[in-house]
C-alpha atoms as a PDB file:
ATOM      1  CA  MET A   1     147.691 166.324 126.121  1.00  0.00           C
ATOM      2  CA  LYS A   2     146.755 164.329 123.020  1.00  0.00           C
ATOM      3  CA  LYS A   3     143.628 162.418 122.825  1.00  0.00           C
ATOM      4  CA  LEU A   4     143.802 158.611 122.627  1.00  0.00           C
ATOM      5  CA  LEU A   5     140.990 158.000 120.146  1.00  0.00           C
ATOM      6  CA  ASN A   6     142.017 160.540 117.579  1.00  0.00           C
ATOM      7  CA  THR A   7     142.818 157.943 114.866  1.00  0.00           C
ATOM      8  CA  VAL A   8     140.060 156.590 112.657  1.00  0.00           C
ATOM      9  CA  TYR A   9     140.594 153.216 111.060  1.00  0.00           C
ATOM     10  CA  ILE A  10     138.559 152.423 107.945  1.00  0.00           C
ATOM     11  CA  THR A  11     138.591 148.698 107.078  1.00  0.00           C
ATOM     12  CA  THR A  12     135.549 148.165 104.838  1.00  0.00           C
ATOM     13  CA  GLU A  13     136.725 147.889 101.283  1.00  0.00           C
ATOM     14  CA  GLY A  14     134.479 149.868  98.795  1.00  0.00           C
ATOM     15  CA  ALA A  15     133.776 152.515 101.481  1.00  0.00           C
ATOM     16  CA  SER A  16     134.101 156.199 100.590  1.00  0.00           C
ATOM     17  CA  LEU A  17     135.321 159.075 102.610  1.00  0.00           C
ATOM     18  CA  ARG A  18     134.212 162.631 101.925  1.00  0.00           C
ATOM     19  CA  LYS A  19     134.119 166.056 103.489  1.00  0.00           C
ATOM     20  CA  ASP A  20     130.859 167.598 104.827  1.00  0.00           C
ATOM     21  CA  GLY A  21     131.385 171.014 106.280  1.00  0.00           C
ATOM     22  CA  GLU A  22     133.907 170.508 109.033  1.00  0.00           C
ATOM     23  CA  ASN A  23     133.286 166.736 109.268  1.00  0.00           C
ATOM     24  CA  LEU A  24     134.754 163.574 107.844  1.00  0.00           C
ATOM     25  CA  VAL A  25     131.900 161.287 106.645  1.00  0.00           C
ATOM     26  CA  ALA A  26     132.282 157.574 105.841  1.00  0.00           C
ATOM     27  CA  GLU A  27     129.708 156.048 103.454  1.00  0.00           C
ATOM     28  CA  VAL A  28     129.218 152.409 102.413  1.00  0.00           C
ATOM     29  CA  ASP A  29     126.924 151.722  99.532  1.00  0.00           C
ATOM     30  CA  GLY A  30     125.807 155.291  99.621  1.00  0.00           C
ATOM     31  CA  MET A  31     124.682 155.074 103.226  1.00  0.00           C
ATOM     32  CA  GLU A  32     126.347 157.212 105.890  1.00  0.00           C
ATOM     33  CA  ARG A  33     128.057 154.988 108.577  1.00  0.00           C
ATOM     34  CA  ALA A  34     130.159 157.458 110.495  1.00  0.00           C
ATOM     35  CA  ARG A  35     130.696 161.148 110.935  1.00  0.00           C
ATOM     36  CA  VAL A  36     133.668 162.665 112.849  1.00  0.00           C
ATOM     37  CA  PRO A  37     134.436 166.351 113.284  1.00  0.00           C
ATOM     38  CA  PHE A  38     137.880 167.392 111.966  1.00  0.00           C
ATOM     39  CA  HIS A  39     138.848 168.947 115.309  1.00  0.00           C
ATOM     40  CA  MET A  40     138.754 165.441 116.973  1.00  0.00           C
ATOM     41  CA  LEU A  41     141.111 163.838 114.390  1.00  0.00           C
ATOM     42  CA  ALA A  42     144.908 163.623 114.211  1.00  0.00           C
ATOM     43  CA  SER A  43     144.982 160.936 111.613  1.00  0.00           C
ATOM     44  CA  VAL A  44     142.995 158.586 109.317  1.00  0.00           C
ATOM     45  CA  VAL A  45     144.202 155.141 108.495  1.00  0.00           C
ATOM     46  CA  VAL A  46     142.578 153.181 105.539  1.00  0.00           C
ATOM     47  CA  PHE A  47     142.895 149.625 104.573  1.00  0.00           C
ATOM     48  CA  GLY A  48     142.663 148.535 100.905  1.00  0.00           C
ATOM     49  CA  ALA A  49     140.438 150.037  98.217  1.00  0.00           C
ATOM     50  CA  ILE A  50     138.731 152.940  99.762  1.00  0.00           C
ATOM     51  CA  TYR A  51     137.830 156.174  98.018  1.00  0.00           C
ATOM     52  CA  LEU A  52     139.034 159.612  99.353  1.00  0.00           C
ATOM     53  CA  SER A  53     137.451 162.650  97.919  1.00  0.00           C
ATOM     54  CA  PRO A  54     139.781 165.442  96.699  1.00  0.00           C
ATOM     55  CA  ALA A  55     137.917 167.900  98.990  1.00  0.00           C
ATOM     56  CA  LEU A  56     138.653 165.608 102.053  1.00  0.00           C
ATOM     57  CA  ILE A  57     142.321 165.294 101.135  1.00  0.00           C
ATOM     58  CA  GLY A  58     142.622 169.076 100.918  1.00  0.00           C
ATOM     59  CA  ALA A  59     140.783 169.648 104.170  1.00  0.00           C
ATOM     60  CA  CYS A  60     142.875 167.065 106.044  1.00  0.00           C
ATOM     61  CA  ALA A  61     146.192 168.569 104.726  1.00  0.00           C
ATOM     62  CA  ALA A  62     144.960 172.051 105.829  1.00  0.00           C
ATOM     63  CA  ALA A  63     143.907 170.809 109.282  1.00  0.00           C
ATOM     64  CA  GLY A  64     147.133 168.893 109.937  1.00  0.00           C
ATOM     65  CA  ILE A  65     145.378 165.524 109.807  1.00  0.00           C
ATOM     66  CA  THR A  66     147.479 162.714 108.321  1.00  0.00           C
ATOM     67  CA  LEU A  67     146.000 160.246 105.865  1.00  0.00           C
ATOM     68  CA  VAL A  68     147.749 156.803 105.914  1.00  0.00           C
ATOM     69  CA  LEU A  69     147.130 154.402 103.091  1.00  0.00           C
ATOM     70  CA  LEU A  70     147.756 150.601 103.793  1.00  0.00           C
ATOM     71  CA  GLU A  71     147.159 147.545 101.847  1.00  0.00           C
ATOM     72  CA  ARG A  72     144.263 145.331 102.920  1.00  0.00           C
ATOM     73  CA  ASN A  73     146.663 143.135 104.893  1.00  0.00           C
ATOM     74  CA  GLY A  74     148.105 146.170 106.689  1.00  0.00           C
ATOM     75  CA  ARG A  75     151.345 146.774 104.570  1.00  0.00           C
ATOM     76  CA  PHE A  76     152.339 150.425 104.452  1.00  0.00           C
ATOM     77  CA  LEU A  77     151.648 152.131 101.037  1.00  0.00           C
ATOM     78  CA  ALA A  78     151.799 155.969 101.588  1.00  0.00           C
ATOM     79  CA  ARG A  79     151.177 158.953 103.771  1.00  0.00           C
ATOM     80  CA  ILE A  80     149.396 162.274 102.744  1.00  0.00           C
ATOM     81  CA  GLU A  81     150.045 165.186 104.930  1.00  0.00           C
ATOM     82  CA  GLY A  82     150.190 168.935 104.714  1.00  0.00           C
ATOM     83  CA  PRO A  83     153.341 171.217 105.134  1.00  0.00           C
ATOM     84  CA  VAL A  84     155.774 169.984 107.709  1.00  0.00           C
ATOM     85  CA  SER A  85     155.678 172.311 110.813  1.00  0.00           C
ATOM     86  CA  GLY A  86     158.844 171.125 112.555  1.00  0.00           C
ATOM     87  CA  ASN A  87     160.967 173.330 114.719  1.00  0.00           C
ATOM     88  CA  VAL A  88     164.028 174.220 112.615  1.00  0.00           C
ATOM     89  CA  LEU A  89     166.373 174.711 115.641  1.00  0.00           C
ATOM     90  CA  LEU A  90     165.307 171.523 117.175  1.00  0.00           C
ATOM     91  CA  ARG A  91     165.801 169.677 113.882  1.00  0.00           C
ATOM     92  CA  ARG A  92     169.308 171.114 113.542  1.00  0.00           C
ATOM     93  CA  ALA A  93     170.118 169.774 116.985  1.00  0.00           C
ATOM     94  CA  GLN A  94     168.704 166.428 115.928  1.00  0.00           C
ATOM     95  CA  TYR A  95     170.851 166.275 112.759  1.00  0.00           C
ATOM     96  CA  ARG A  96     173.961 167.217 114.829  1.00  0.00           C
ATOM     97  CA  ALA A  97     173.158 164.567 117.368  1.00  0.00           C
ATOM     98  CA  SER A  98     172.636 161.957 114.592  1.00  0.00           C
ATOM     99  CA  ASP A  99     176.369 162.212 113.679  1.00  0.00           C
ATOM    100  CA  ALA A 100     177.431 161.281 117.224  1.00  0.00           C
ATOM    101  CA  PRO A 101     174.412 159.228 118.544  1.00  0.00           C
ATOM    102  CA  LEU A 102     176.167 157.030 121.183  1.00  0.00           C
ATOM    103  CA  GLU A 103     174.318 158.033 124.315  1.00  0.00           C
ATOM    104  CA  ILE A 104     170.885 158.180 122.677  1.00  0.00           C
ATOM    105  CA  VAL A 105     171.404 154.745 121.193  1.00  0.00           C
ATOM    106  CA  ARG A 106     172.588 153.391 124.558  1.00  0.00           C
ATOM    107  CA  SER A 107     169.363 154.595 126.197  1.00  0.00           C
ATOM    108  CA  ILE A 108     167.154 153.051 123.333  1.00  0.00           C
ATOM    109  CA  VAL A 109     169.021 149.728 123.393  1.00  0.00           C
ATOM    110  CA  ALA A 110     168.903 149.537 127.234  1.00  0.00           C
ATOM    111  CA  GLY A 111     165.146 150.303 127.279  1.00  0.00           C
ATOM    112  CA  LYS A 112     164.300 147.779 124.628  1.00  0.00           C
ATOM    113  CA  ILE A 113     166.256 144.961 126.104  1.00  0.00           C
ATOM    114  CA  ALA A 114     164.952 145.642 129.618  1.00  0.00           C
ATOM    115  CA  ASN A 115     161.356 145.633 128.353  1.00  0.00           C
ATOM    116  CA  GLN A 116     161.908 142.397 126.374  1.00  0.00           C
ATOM    117  CA  ARG A 117     163.267 140.862 129.464  1.00  0.00           C
ATOM    118  CA  SER A 118     160.236 142.047 131.440  1.00  0.00           C
ATOM    119  CA  VAL A 119     157.879 140.397 129.072  1.00  0.00           C
ATOM    120  CA  LEU A 120     159.729 137.109 129.658  1.00  0.00           C
ATOM    121  CA  MET A 121     159.756 137.610 133.368  1.00  0.00           C
ATOM    122  CA  ARG A 122     156.010 138.286 133.511  1.00  0.00           C
ATOM    123  CA  ALA A 123     155.349 135.282 131.440  1.00  0.00           C
ATOM    124  CA  MET A 124     157.211 133.145 133.906  1.00  0.00           C
ATOM    125  CA  ARG A 125     155.163 134.572 136.746  1.00  0.00           C
ATOM    126  CA  ASP A 126     151.843 134.273 134.990  1.00  0.00           C
ATOM    127  CA  TYR A 127     152.288 130.708 133.661  1.00  0.00           C
ATOM    128  CA  ARG A 128     154.871 129.233 136.011  1.00  0.00           C
ATOM    129  CA  ASP A 129     152.576 126.215 136.865  1.00  0.00           C
ATOM    130  CA  GLU A 130     151.911 125.548 133.089  1.00  0.00           C
ATOM    131  CA  PHE A 131     155.454 125.652 131.864  1.00  0.00           C
ATOM    132  CA  ALA A 132     157.515 122.486 131.616  1.00  0.00           C
ATOM    133  CA  GLN A 133     160.626 122.587 133.617  1.00  0.00           C
ATOM    134  CA  GLN A 134     162.771 122.664 130.438  1.00  0.00           C
ATOM    135  CA  SER A 135     160.873 125.677 129.131  1.00  0.00           C
ATOM    136  CA  LEU A 136     161.304 127.488 132.418  1.00  0.00           C
ATOM    137  CA  ALA A 137     165.013 126.701 132.351  1.00  0.00           C
ATOM    138  CA  GLN A 138     165.352 128.095 128.844  1.00  0.00           C
ATOM    139  CA  ILE A 139     163.384 131.241 129.551  1.00  0.00           C
ATOM    140  CA  ARG A 140     165.406 131.819 132.806  1.00  0.00           C
ATOM    141  CA  GLU A 141     168.680 131.306 131.019  1.00  0.00           C
ATOM    142  CA  ALA A 142     167.514 133.903 128.330  1.00  0.00           C
ATOM    143  CA  THR A 143     166.631 136.478 130.995  1.00  0.00           C
ATOM    144  CA  ASP A 144     169.853 135.970 132.882  1.00  0.00           C
ATOM    145  CA  ARG A 145     171.859 136.512 129.667  1.00  0.00           C
ATOM    146  CA  MET A 146     169.736 139.529 128.690  1.00  0.00           C
ATOM    147  CA  ALA A 147     170.409 141.103 132.089  1.00  0.00           C
ATOM    148  CA  ARG A 148     174.181 140.799 131.448  1.00  0.00           C
ATOM    149  CA  ILE A 149     173.662 142.320 127.945  1.00  0.00           C
ATOM    150  CA  VAL A 150     171.857 145.320 129.436  1.00  0.00           C
ATOM    151  CA  ARG A 151     174.763 145.857 131.951  1.00  0.00           C
ATOM    152  CA  ARG A 152     177.245 145.621 129.075  1.00  0.00           C
ATOM    153  CA  ALA A 153     175.334 148.064 127.009  1.00  0.00           C
ATOM    154  CA  GLU A 154     175.258 150.488 129.847  1.00  0.00           C
ATOM    155  CA  ALA A 155     179.064 150.386 130.124  1.00  0.00           C
ATOM    156  CA  ALA A 156     180.779 153.620 128.982  1.00  0.00           C
ATOM    157  CA  ASP A 157     183.175 151.753 126.624  1.00  0.00           C
ATOM    158  CA  GLU A 158     180.494 150.376 124.188  1.00  0.00           C
ATOM    159  CA  THR A 159     180.578 151.896 120.709  1.00  0.00           C
ATOM    160  CA  VAL A 160     177.454 152.474 118.616  1.00  0.00           C
ATOM    161  CA  GLU A 161     178.249 149.389 116.506  1.00  0.00           C
ATOM    162  CA  GLN A 162     178.689 147.269 119.518  1.00  0.00           C
ATOM    163  CA  LEU A 163     175.345 148.554 121.009  1.00  0.00           C
ATOM    164  CA  ARG A 164     173.710 147.539 117.695  1.00  0.00           C
ATOM    165  CA  GLY A 165     175.334 144.188 118.124  1.00  0.00           C
ATOM    166  CA  SER A 166     173.985 143.866 121.770  1.00  0.00           C
ATOM    167  CA  GLU A 167     170.516 144.756 120.594  1.00  0.00           C
ATOM    168  CA  GLY A 168     170.570 141.992 117.944  1.00  0.00           C
ATOM    169  CA  GLU A 169     172.028 139.558 120.391  1.00  0.00           C
ATOM    170  CA  ALA A 170     169.273 140.268 122.896  1.00  0.00           C
ATOM    171  CA  ALA A 171     166.543 140.002 120.180  1.00  0.00           C
ATOM    172  CA  ASN A 172     167.829 136.566 119.172  1.00  0.00           C
ATOM    173  CA  LEU A 173     167.644 135.373 122.791  1.00  0.00           C
ATOM    174  CA  TYR A 174     164.198 136.859 123.220  1.00  0.00           C
ATOM    175  CA  PHE A 175     162.739 135.278 120.121  1.00  0.00           C
ATOM    176  CA  SER A 176     164.527 131.973 120.759  1.00  0.00           C
ATOM    177  CA  VAL A 177     162.108 131.430 123.685  1.00  0.00           C
ATOM    178  CA  PHE A 178     159.066 133.265 122.320  1.00  0.00           C
ATOM    179  CA  ASN A 179     157.225 130.152 121.322  1.00  0.00           C
ATOM    180  CA  HIS A 180     157.090 129.035 125.029  1.00  0.00           C
ATOM    181  CA  LEU A 181     155.004 132.130 125.724  1.00  0.00           C
ATOM    182  CA  ILE A 182     152.223 131.070 123.226  1.00  0.00           C
ATOM    183  CA  ARG A 183     149.424 129.054 124.982  1.00  0.00           C
ATOM    184  CA  SER A 184     147.089 128.602 122.030  1.00  0.00           C
ATOM    185  CA  PRO A 185     145.682 125.073 121.461  1.00  0.00           C
ATOM    186  CA  ASP A 186     145.960 125.459 117.664  1.00  0.00           C
ATOM    187  CA  PRO A 187     149.088 123.626 116.301  1.00  0.00           C
ATOM    188  CA  GLU A 188     149.143 126.297 113.386  1.00  0.00           C
ATOM    189  CA  ILE A 189     149.776 129.030 115.936  1.00  0.00           C
ATOM    190  CA  ARG A 190     153.418 128.570 116.781  1.00  0.00           C
ATOM    191  CA  TRP A 191     156.649 130.634 116.646  1.00  0.00           C
ATOM    192  CA  THR A 192     159.520 129.414 114.597  1.00  0.00           C
ATOM    193  CA  GLY A 193     161.195 132.670 113.773  1.00  0.00           C
ATOM    194  CA  ARG A 194     160.654 136.215 112.505  1.00  0.00           C
ATOM    195  CA  THR A 195     159.341 136.345 108.973  1.00  0.00           C
ATOM    196  CA  ARG A 196     158.281 139.438 107.040  1.00  0.00           C
ATOM    197  CA  ARG A 197     157.004 140.501 103.498  1.00  0.00           C
ATOM    198  CA  PRO A 198     155.116 138.336 103.674  1.00  0.00           C
ATOM    199  CA  PRO A 199     154.668 136.819 107.227  1.00  0.00           C
ATOM    200  CA  LEU A 200     154.566 133.100 106.963  1.00  0.00           C
ATOM    201  CA  ASP A 201     152.579 132.130 110.065  1.00  0.00           C
ATOM    202  CA  PRO A 202     149.663 133.690 112.226  1.00  0.00           C
ATOM    203  CA  VAL A 203     152.021 135.010 114.930  1.00  0.00           C
ATOM    204  CA  ASN A 204     154.148 136.945 112.428  1.00  0.00           C
ATOM    205  CA  ALA A 205     151.061 138.204 110.821  1.00  0.00           C
ATOM    206  CA  VAL A 206     149.753 139.773 113.909  1.00  0.00           C
ATOM    207  CA  LEU A 207     153.113 141.218 114.992  1.00  0.00           C
ATOM    208  CA  SER A 208     153.722 142.684 111.468  1.00  0.00           C
ATOM    209  CA  PHE A 209     150.270 144.301 111.703  1.00  0.00           C
ATOM    210  CA  LEU A 210     150.839 145.684 115.161  1.00  0.00           C
ATOM    211  CA  TYR A 211     154.256 146.930 114.355  1.00  0.00           C
ATOM    212  CA  THR A 212     152.803 148.874 111.371  1.00  0.00           C
ATOM    213  CA  LEU A 213     150.247 150.554 113.801  1.00  0.00           C
ATOM    214  CA  LEU A 214     152.884 151.341 116.329  1.00  0.00           C
ATOM    215  CA  THR A 215     155.231 152.852 113.640  1.00  0.00           C
ATOM    216  CA  HIS A 216     152.379 155.086 112.644  1.00  0.00           C
ATOM    217  CA  ASP A 217     151.940 156.315 116.197  1.00  0.00           C
ATOM    218  CA  CYS A 218     155.550 156.850 116.731  1.00  0.00           C
ATOM    219  CA  ARG A 219     155.934 158.782 113.514  1.00  0.00           C
ATOM    220  CA  SER A 220     152.956 160.934 114.556  1.00  0.00           C
ATOM    221  CA  ALA A 221     154.630 161.494 117.952  1.00  0.00           C
ATOM    222  CA  CYS A 222     157.885 162.637 116.241  1.00  0.00           C
ATOM    223  CA  GLU A 223     156.066 165.109 114.005  1.00  0.00           C
ATOM    224  CA  SER A 224     153.923 166.410 116.815  1.00  0.00           C
ATOM    225  CA  ASN A 225     157.022 167.375 118.753  1.00  0.00           C
ATOM    226  CA  GLY A 226     158.753 168.982 115.898  1.00  0.00           C
ATOM    227  CA  LEU A 227     161.264 166.211 115.215  1.00  0.00           C
ATOM    228  CA  ASP A 228     162.200 164.854 111.770  1.00  0.00           C
ATOM    229  CA  PRO A 229     160.908 161.204 111.830  1.00  0.00           C
ATOM    230  CA  SER A 230     163.338 160.206 108.984  1.00  0.00           C
ATOM    231  CA  VAL A 231     166.637 160.898 110.852  1.00  0.00           C
ATOM    232  CA  GLY A 232     167.288 158.400 113.539  1.00  0.00           C
ATOM    233  CA  PHE A 233     170.079 157.239 115.781  1.00  0.00           C
ATOM    234  CA  LEU A 234     169.949 153.468 116.203  1.00  0.00           C
ATOM    235  CA  HIS A 235     168.462 152.875 112.684  1.00  0.00           C
ATOM    236  CA  ARG A 236     170.626 154.212 109.856  1.00  0.00           C
ATOM    237  CA  ASP A 237     169.269 156.683 107.469  1.00  0.00           C
ATOM    238  CA  ARG A 238     167.649 155.089 104.386  1.00  0.00           C
ATOM    239  CA  PRO A 239     165.405 156.860 101.795  1.00  0.00           C
ATOM    240  CA  GLY A 240     161.662 156.283 102.598  1.00  0.00           C
ATOM    241  CA  ARG A 241     162.294 154.860 106.084  1.00  0.00           C
ATOM    242  CA  PRO A 242     161.115 156.638 109.239  1.00  0.00           C
ATOM    243  CA  SER A 243     164.160 155.909 111.193  1.00  0.00           C
ATOM    244  CA  LEU A 244     163.478 157.992 114.244  1.00  0.00           C
ATOM    245  CA  ALA A 245     159.982 156.544 114.477  1.00  0.00           C
ATOM    246  CA  LEU A 246     161.540 153.108 114.324  1.00  0.00           C
ATOM    247  CA  ASP A 247     163.956 154.156 117.073  1.00  0.00           C
ATOM    248  CA  LEU A 248     161.094 155.145 119.427  1.00  0.00           C
ATOM    249  CA  MET A 249     159.205 151.974 118.518  1.00  0.00           C
ATOM    250  CA  GLU A 250     162.025 149.651 119.699  1.00  0.00           C
ATOM    251  CA  GLU A 251     161.580 150.192 123.481  1.00  0.00           C
ATOM    252  CA  LEU A 252     157.820 150.105 123.277  1.00  0.00           C
ATOM    253  CA  ARG A 253     157.007 147.282 120.990  1.00  0.00           C
ATOM    254  CA  PRO A 254     157.781 144.375 123.539  1.00  0.00           C
ATOM    255  CA  VAL A 255     154.988 145.774 125.714  1.00  0.00           C
ATOM    256  CA  LEU A 256     152.505 147.424 123.247  1.00  0.00           C
ATOM    257  CA  ALA A 257     152.810 144.979 120.383  1.00  0.00           C
ATOM    258  CA  ASP A 258     154.362 141.600 121.563  1.00  0.00           C
ATOM    259  CA  ARG A 259     152.314 141.339 124.759  1.00  0.00           C
ATOM    260  CA  LEU A 260     149.103 142.283 122.993  1.00  0.00           C
ATOM    261  CA  ALA A 261     149.731 139.688 120.355  1.00  0.00           C
ATOM    262  CA  LEU A 262     150.456 137.041 122.975  1.00  0.00           C
ATOM    263  CA  SER A 263     147.266 137.985 124.920  1.00  0.00           C
ATOM    264  CA  LEU A 264     145.029 137.737 121.815  1.00  0.00           C
ATOM    265  CA  PHE A 265     146.356 134.236 121.054  1.00  0.00           C
ATOM    266  CA  ASN A 266     146.463 133.077 124.758  1.00  0.00           C
ATOM    267  CA  ARG A 267     142.952 134.274 125.466  1.00  0.00           C
ATOM    268  CA  ARG A 268     141.829 132.433 122.268  1.00  0.00           C
ATOM    269  CA  GLN A 269     140.479 135.799 120.708  1.00  0.00           C
ATOM    270  CA  LEU A 270     142.438 134.766 117.667  1.00  0.00           C
ATOM    271  CA  ARG A 271     142.288 131.217 116.279  1.00  0.00           C
ATOM    272  CA  ALA A 272     143.830 129.435 113.306  1.00  0.00           C
ATOM    273  CA  GLU A 273     140.647 130.087 111.213  1.00  0.00           C
ATOM    274  CA  ASP A 274     141.078 133.843 111.570  1.00  0.00           C
ATOM    275  CA  PHE A 275     143.888 133.834 109.071  1.00  0.00           C
ATOM    276  CA  ASP A 276     144.039 133.565 105.313  1.00  0.00           C
ATOM    277  CA  VAL A 277     146.915 131.858 103.374  1.00  0.00           C
ATOM    278  CA  ARG A 278     147.809 133.515 100.109  1.00  0.00           C
ATOM    279  CA  ASP A 279     149.754 132.366  97.087  1.00  0.00           C
ATOM    280  CA  GLY A 280     153.364 132.156  97.943  1.00  0.00           C
ATOM    281  CA  GLY A 281     152.655 131.091 101.566  1.00  0.00           C
ATOM    282  CA  GLY A 282     151.817 134.480 102.941  1.00  0.00           C
ATOM    283  CA  VAL A 283     149.582 134.461 106.037  1.00  0.00           C
ATOM    284  CA  PHE A 284     147.320 137.437 106.750  1.00  0.00           C
ATOM    285  CA  LEU A 285     144.527 138.371 109.140  1.00  0.00           C
ATOM    286  CA  ALA A 286     141.008 137.823 107.835  1.00  0.00           C
ATOM    287  CA  ASP A 287     138.781 140.936 107.733  1.00  0.00           C
ATOM    288  CA  ASP A 288     136.928 140.222 111.000  1.00  0.00           C
ATOM    289  CA  ALA A 289     140.116 139.367 112.822  1.00  0.00           C
ATOM    290  CA  ARG A 290     141.760 142.522 111.626  1.00  0.00           C
ATOM    291  CA  LYS A 291     138.839 144.510 113.063  1.00  0.00           C
ATOM    292  CA  ALA A 292     139.216 142.560 116.421  1.00  0.00           C
ATOM    293  CA  VAL A 293     142.948 143.299 116.585  1.00  0.00           C
ATOM    294  CA  LEU A 294     142.294 147.067 115.885  1.00  0.00           C
ATOM    295  CA  THR A 295     139.694 147.122 118.710  1.00  0.00           C
ATOM    296  CA  ALA A 296     142.139 145.411 121.165  1.00  0.00           C
ATOM    297  CA  TRP A 297     144.922 147.864 120.030  1.00  0.00           C
ATOM    298  CA  GLN A 298     142.731 150.755 120.823  1.00  0.00           C
ATOM    299  CA  GLU A 299     141.794 149.274 124.223  1.00  0.00           C
ATOM    300  CA  ARG A 300     145.365 148.459 125.149  1.00  0.00           C
ATOM    301  CA  LYS A 301     146.315 152.126 124.465  1.00  0.00           C
ATOM    302  CA  LYS A 302     143.846 153.190 127.177  1.00  0.00           C
ATOM    303  CA  GLU A 303     145.668 151.195 129.917  1.00  0.00           C
ATOM    304  CA  GLU A 304     147.729 153.318 132.266  1.00  0.00           C
ATOM    305  CA  ARG A 305     151.231 152.646 133.597  1.00  0.00           C
ATOM    306  CA  ARG A 306     153.522 154.671 135.664  1.00  0.00           C
ATOM    307  CA  HIS A 307     156.126 156.591 133.828  1.00  0.00           C
ATOM    308  CA  ALA A 308     159.368 155.933 135.759  1.00  0.00           C
ATOM    309  CA  PHE A 309     161.044 159.198 134.738  1.00  0.00           C
ATOM    310  CA  LEU A 310     157.970 161.524 135.131  1.00  0.00           C
ATOM    311  CA  GLY A 311     156.710 159.729 138.212  1.00  0.00           C
ATOM    312  CA  GLU A 312     153.147 159.825 136.901  1.00  0.00           C
ATOM    313  CA  LYS A 313     150.589 157.398 135.454  1.00  0.00           C
ATOM    314  CA  ALA A 314     149.969 157.793 131.612  1.00  0.00           C
ATOM    315  CA  PRO A 315     147.936 155.881 129.189  1.00  0.00           C
ATOM    316  CA  LEU A 316     150.031 153.487 127.027  1.00  0.00           C
ATOM    317  CA  GLY A 317     148.737 155.352 123.974  1.00  0.00           C
ATOM    318  CA  LEU A 318     150.429 158.540 125.099  1.00  0.00           C
ATOM    319  CA  VAL A 319     153.810 156.920 125.769  1.00  0.00           C
ATOM    320  CA  PRO A 320     155.106 157.488 122.181  1.00  0.00           C
ATOM    321  CA  TYR A 321     154.322 161.151 122.533  1.00  0.00           C
ATOM    322  CA  LEU A 322     155.963 161.455 126.009  1.00  0.00           C
ATOM    323  CA  GLN A 323     159.001 159.736 124.790  1.00  0.00           C
ATOM    324  CA  ALA A 324     159.257 161.991 121.657  1.00  0.00           C
ATOM    325  CA  GLN A 325     158.883 164.932 124.097  1.00  0.00           C
ATOM    326  CA  MET A 326     161.728 163.665 126.257  1.00  0.00           C
ATOM    327  CA  LEU A 327     163.929 163.242 123.291  1.00  0.00           C
ATOM    328  CA  ALA A 328     163.172 166.756 122.109  1.00  0.00           C
ATOM    329  CA  ARG A 329     164.033 168.133 125.551  1.00  0.00           C
ATOM    330  CA  HIS A 330     167.317 166.299 125.583  1.00  0.00           C
ATOM    331  CA  LEU A 331     168.203 167.540 122.117  1.00  0.00           C
ATOM    332  CA  ARG A 332     167.363 171.131 123.287  1.00  0.00           C
ATOM    333  CA  GLY A 333     169.705 170.699 126.265  1.00  0.00           C
ATOM    334  CA  ASP A 334     166.898 170.630 128.917  1.00  0.00           C
ATOM    335  CA  LEU A 335     167.786 167.047 129.891  1.00  0.00           C
ATOM    336  CA  ASP A 336     171.304 165.649 130.320  1.00  0.00           C
ATOM    337  CA  ALA A 337     170.268 162.339 128.709  1.00  0.00           C
ATOM    338  CA  TYR A 338     167.243 160.717 126.903  1.00  0.00           C
ATOM    339  CA  PRO A 339     165.376 158.659 129.452  1.00  0.00           C
ATOM    340  CA  PRO A 340     163.980 155.419 127.976  1.00  0.00           C
ATOM    341  CA  TRP A 341     160.573 154.113 128.950  1.00  0.00           C
ATOM    342  CA  PHE A 342     160.697 151.052 131.271  1.00  0.00           C
ATOM    343  CA  TRP A 343     157.698 148.835 131.703  1.00  0.00           C
ATOM    344  CA  LYS A 344     156.997 147.955 135.322  1.00  0.00           C
END
């Protein structure tokens, strides 16, 4: 079983990372700030201008530790990793399945829409007394329509393209009422629609940041189970895009990312002053706020939920690895279908 706290995040610009024996050492202004044994690490994620010694890069590659380079605002730049150790027979099965992905796409889409709907249903339960009647009616209408979309997606006569359309239709419904779920007193923290590269408001800034972290975990989960993260089913192949990691992420992000973002705003752990506006209108987390989100992310990954298919409780941080394992078992023929993860 993988450890939850095996990713080190380095956020202090100007820091340097080096190898000392079998340890990663982080220094700031020549002073040692942290020391982590290699055997406890699966990946290292660095933000902004941080020095990596050549010896450390070589040691991480040899030990199977992935180095992920992000811009200061969390945008992905590059990954450094050693030789890929995927299972060739499993990957051949994955490539064959990608040519006829209907049933896997059906499971992913059903899982994503069901979890989006659960987020809305939970919000109605938690904030019922605070919602205006009009807001409740809009959320209820969205959940009813999403329930119909799930039933339609599960129908045997849906094609892959129709399933992709159903996924987009449900996403539009979900985000059309997303602003009702935000209880922050700050007028700047409101949802008007999804914006990327750059995000144009605080909510999009947090979602983009969390989606980057979740994509990294899903990619690591694919590689850990011998799968090719670049060849997906719901997401079409594109050079440089981890399509399979994005597939796994779809059913998880309503719970792992969206609900965490809502909690940070609704509990007032993030306020309007925690964001910087750059030239061009881009909005990004300030340094201290980014560290607060990383801490909350790690804490959220410790929370346990029952895995409906396995019938056992598992920390949320392990769910990407469990789902990648279920997908690998399906591709090998051990499972008749890929079982999506449903949040209860």
